[in-house]
Amino acid sequence: MTDSVERPRRVLRLYVAGHNAAAQRARENRLRLLAASHAIAEIEVVDVLEQPGLAEAAGILATPTLSDETRHPPRRIVGDLSDHARVLSFLAIRSEEEKR
């Protein structure tokens, strides 16, 4: 029998504004990040136009912004998340290539 210890899933929030080009790229890149994180992270999408109170409470000043809600204070990266290596490094998640 093996004892498996489950790591808590990291909760990340991707704040976007509507469906403009940068928001769409960020949403698409979110899927790549989920695959690279091997399901250790959950990335919620918050549209600040639909839920401005959440963005205001979190202090979000620009979009798209990815916020690591598991850290205190939260760590954030602004942009469309297209630089995958930089985003994974920021989140301290190693890619498959780095593990080899």
Protein backbone atom coordinates (compact mmCIF):
# COMPACT_ATOMS: atom_id res chain seq x y z
CA MET A 1 0.00 0.00 0.00
CA THR A 2 1.27 3.44 -0.82
CA ASP A 3 0.49 6.52 1.13
CA SER A 4 -0.23 9.42 -1.12
CA VAL A 5 -0.14 12.90 0.21
CA GLU A 6 -2.31 15.29 -1.71
CA ARG A 7 -0.91 18.74 -2.22
CA PRO A 8 -3.41 21.53 -1.90
CA ARG A 9 -4.40 22.92 -5.28
CA ARG A 10 -3.19 26.41 -5.93
CA VAL A 11 -5.93 28.90 -6.65
CA LEU A 12 -5.04 31.38 -9.36
CA ARG A 13 -7.30 34.04 -10.79
CA LEU A 14 -7.05 35.40 -14.29
CA TYR A 15 -8.61 38.86 -14.43
CA VAL A 16 -9.65 39.92 -17.95
CA ALA A 17 -11.76 42.73 -19.38
CA GLY A 18 -14.33 41.41 -21.82
CA HIS A 19 -13.37 39.59 -24.99
CA ASN A 20 -10.72 41.83 -26.53
CA ALA A 21 -7.65 40.33 -28.22
CA ALA A 22 -5.46 40.37 -25.08
CA ALA A 23 -8.22 38.76 -23.01
CA GLN A 24 -8.71 36.04 -25.63
CA ARG A 25 -4.96 35.30 -25.76
CA ALA A 26 -4.83 35.16 -21.97
CA ARG A 27 -7.76 32.73 -21.89
CA GLU A 28 -6.09 30.51 -24.51
CA ASN A 29 -2.76 30.61 -22.68
CA ARG A 30 -4.59 29.70 -19.47
CA LEU A 31 -5.33 26.29 -20.99
CA ARG A 32 -1.64 25.76 -21.75
CA LEU A 33 -0.73 26.72 -18.20
CA LEU A 34 -3.25 24.27 -16.79
CA ALA A 35 -1.68 21.49 -18.84
CA ALA A 36 1.84 22.49 -17.77
CA SER A 37 0.88 22.68 -14.09
CA HIS A 38 -0.24 19.03 -14.08
CA ALA A 39 -3.49 19.94 -12.35
CA ILE A 40 -1.81 21.37 -9.25
CA ALA A 41 -3.42 24.69 -10.01
CA GLU A 42 -6.92 25.88 -10.67
CA ILE A 43 -7.27 29.05 -12.72
CA GLU A 44 -10.54 30.92 -12.34
CA VAL A 45 -11.38 33.53 -14.96
CA VAL A 46 -12.85 36.77 -13.65
CA ASP A 47 -14.22 39.23 -16.20
CA VAL A 48 -13.82 42.60 -14.51
CA LEU A 49 -16.58 44.08 -16.67
CA GLU A 50 -19.03 41.53 -15.28
CA GLN A 51 -17.64 41.39 -11.73
CA PRO A 52 -15.99 44.74 -11.01
CA GLY A 53 -16.35 44.27 -7.26
CA LEU A 54 -14.01 41.26 -7.26
CA ALA A 55 -11.37 43.16 -9.20
CA GLU A 56 -11.71 46.20 -6.95
CA ALA A 57 -11.49 44.11 -3.77
CA ALA A 58 -8.34 42.42 -5.12
CA GLY A 59 -6.77 45.73 -6.14
CA ILE A 60 -6.53 44.81 -9.83
CA LEU A 61 -5.51 47.87 -11.84
CA ALA A 62 -4.71 46.34 -15.25
CA THR A 63 -5.88 43.40 -17.32
CA PRO A 64 -5.13 40.71 -18.13
CA THR A 65 -3.61 39.90 -14.73
CA LEU A 66 -2.87 36.45 -13.32
CA SER A 67 -2.97 36.47 -9.53
CA ASP A 68 -1.66 33.68 -7.30
CA GLU A 69 -4.21 33.78 -4.50
CA THR A 70 -2.36 31.19 -2.39
CA ARG A 71 0.34 33.71 -1.49
CA HIS A 72 0.04 36.53 1.00
CA PRO A 73 0.19 39.10 -0.39
CA PRO A 74 -0.90 37.60 -3.74
CA ARG A 75 1.73 37.50 -6.50
CA ARG A 76 0.66 38.89 -9.84
CA ILE A 77 1.81 38.98 -13.40
CA VAL A 78 0.28 41.33 -15.97
CA GLY A 79 -0.03 40.45 -19.66
CA ASP A 80 -1.54 37.86 -21.98
CA LEU A 81 0.59 35.02 -20.50
CA SER A 82 2.19 34.26 -23.88
CA ASP A 83 5.69 33.91 -22.38
CA HIS A 84 5.01 30.48 -20.91
CA ALA A 85 8.49 29.96 -19.47
CA ARG A 86 8.33 33.26 -17.63
CA VAL A 87 4.84 32.59 -16.27
CA LEU A 88 5.79 29.07 -15.11
CA SER A 89 8.91 30.49 -13.46
CA PHE A 90 6.85 33.21 -11.79
CA LEU A 91 4.51 30.55 -10.44
CA ALA A 92 7.45 28.27 -9.51
CA ILE A 93 6.11 25.46 -11.72
CA ARG A 94 8.70 23.47 -13.64
CA SER A 95 7.89 22.52 -17.22
CA GLU A 96 8.39 18.97 -18.53
CA GLU A 97 11.51 20.12 -20.42
CA GLU A 98 13.07 21.47 -17.22
CA LYS A 99 12.37 18.21 -15.37
CA ARG A 100 14.41 16.18 -17.88
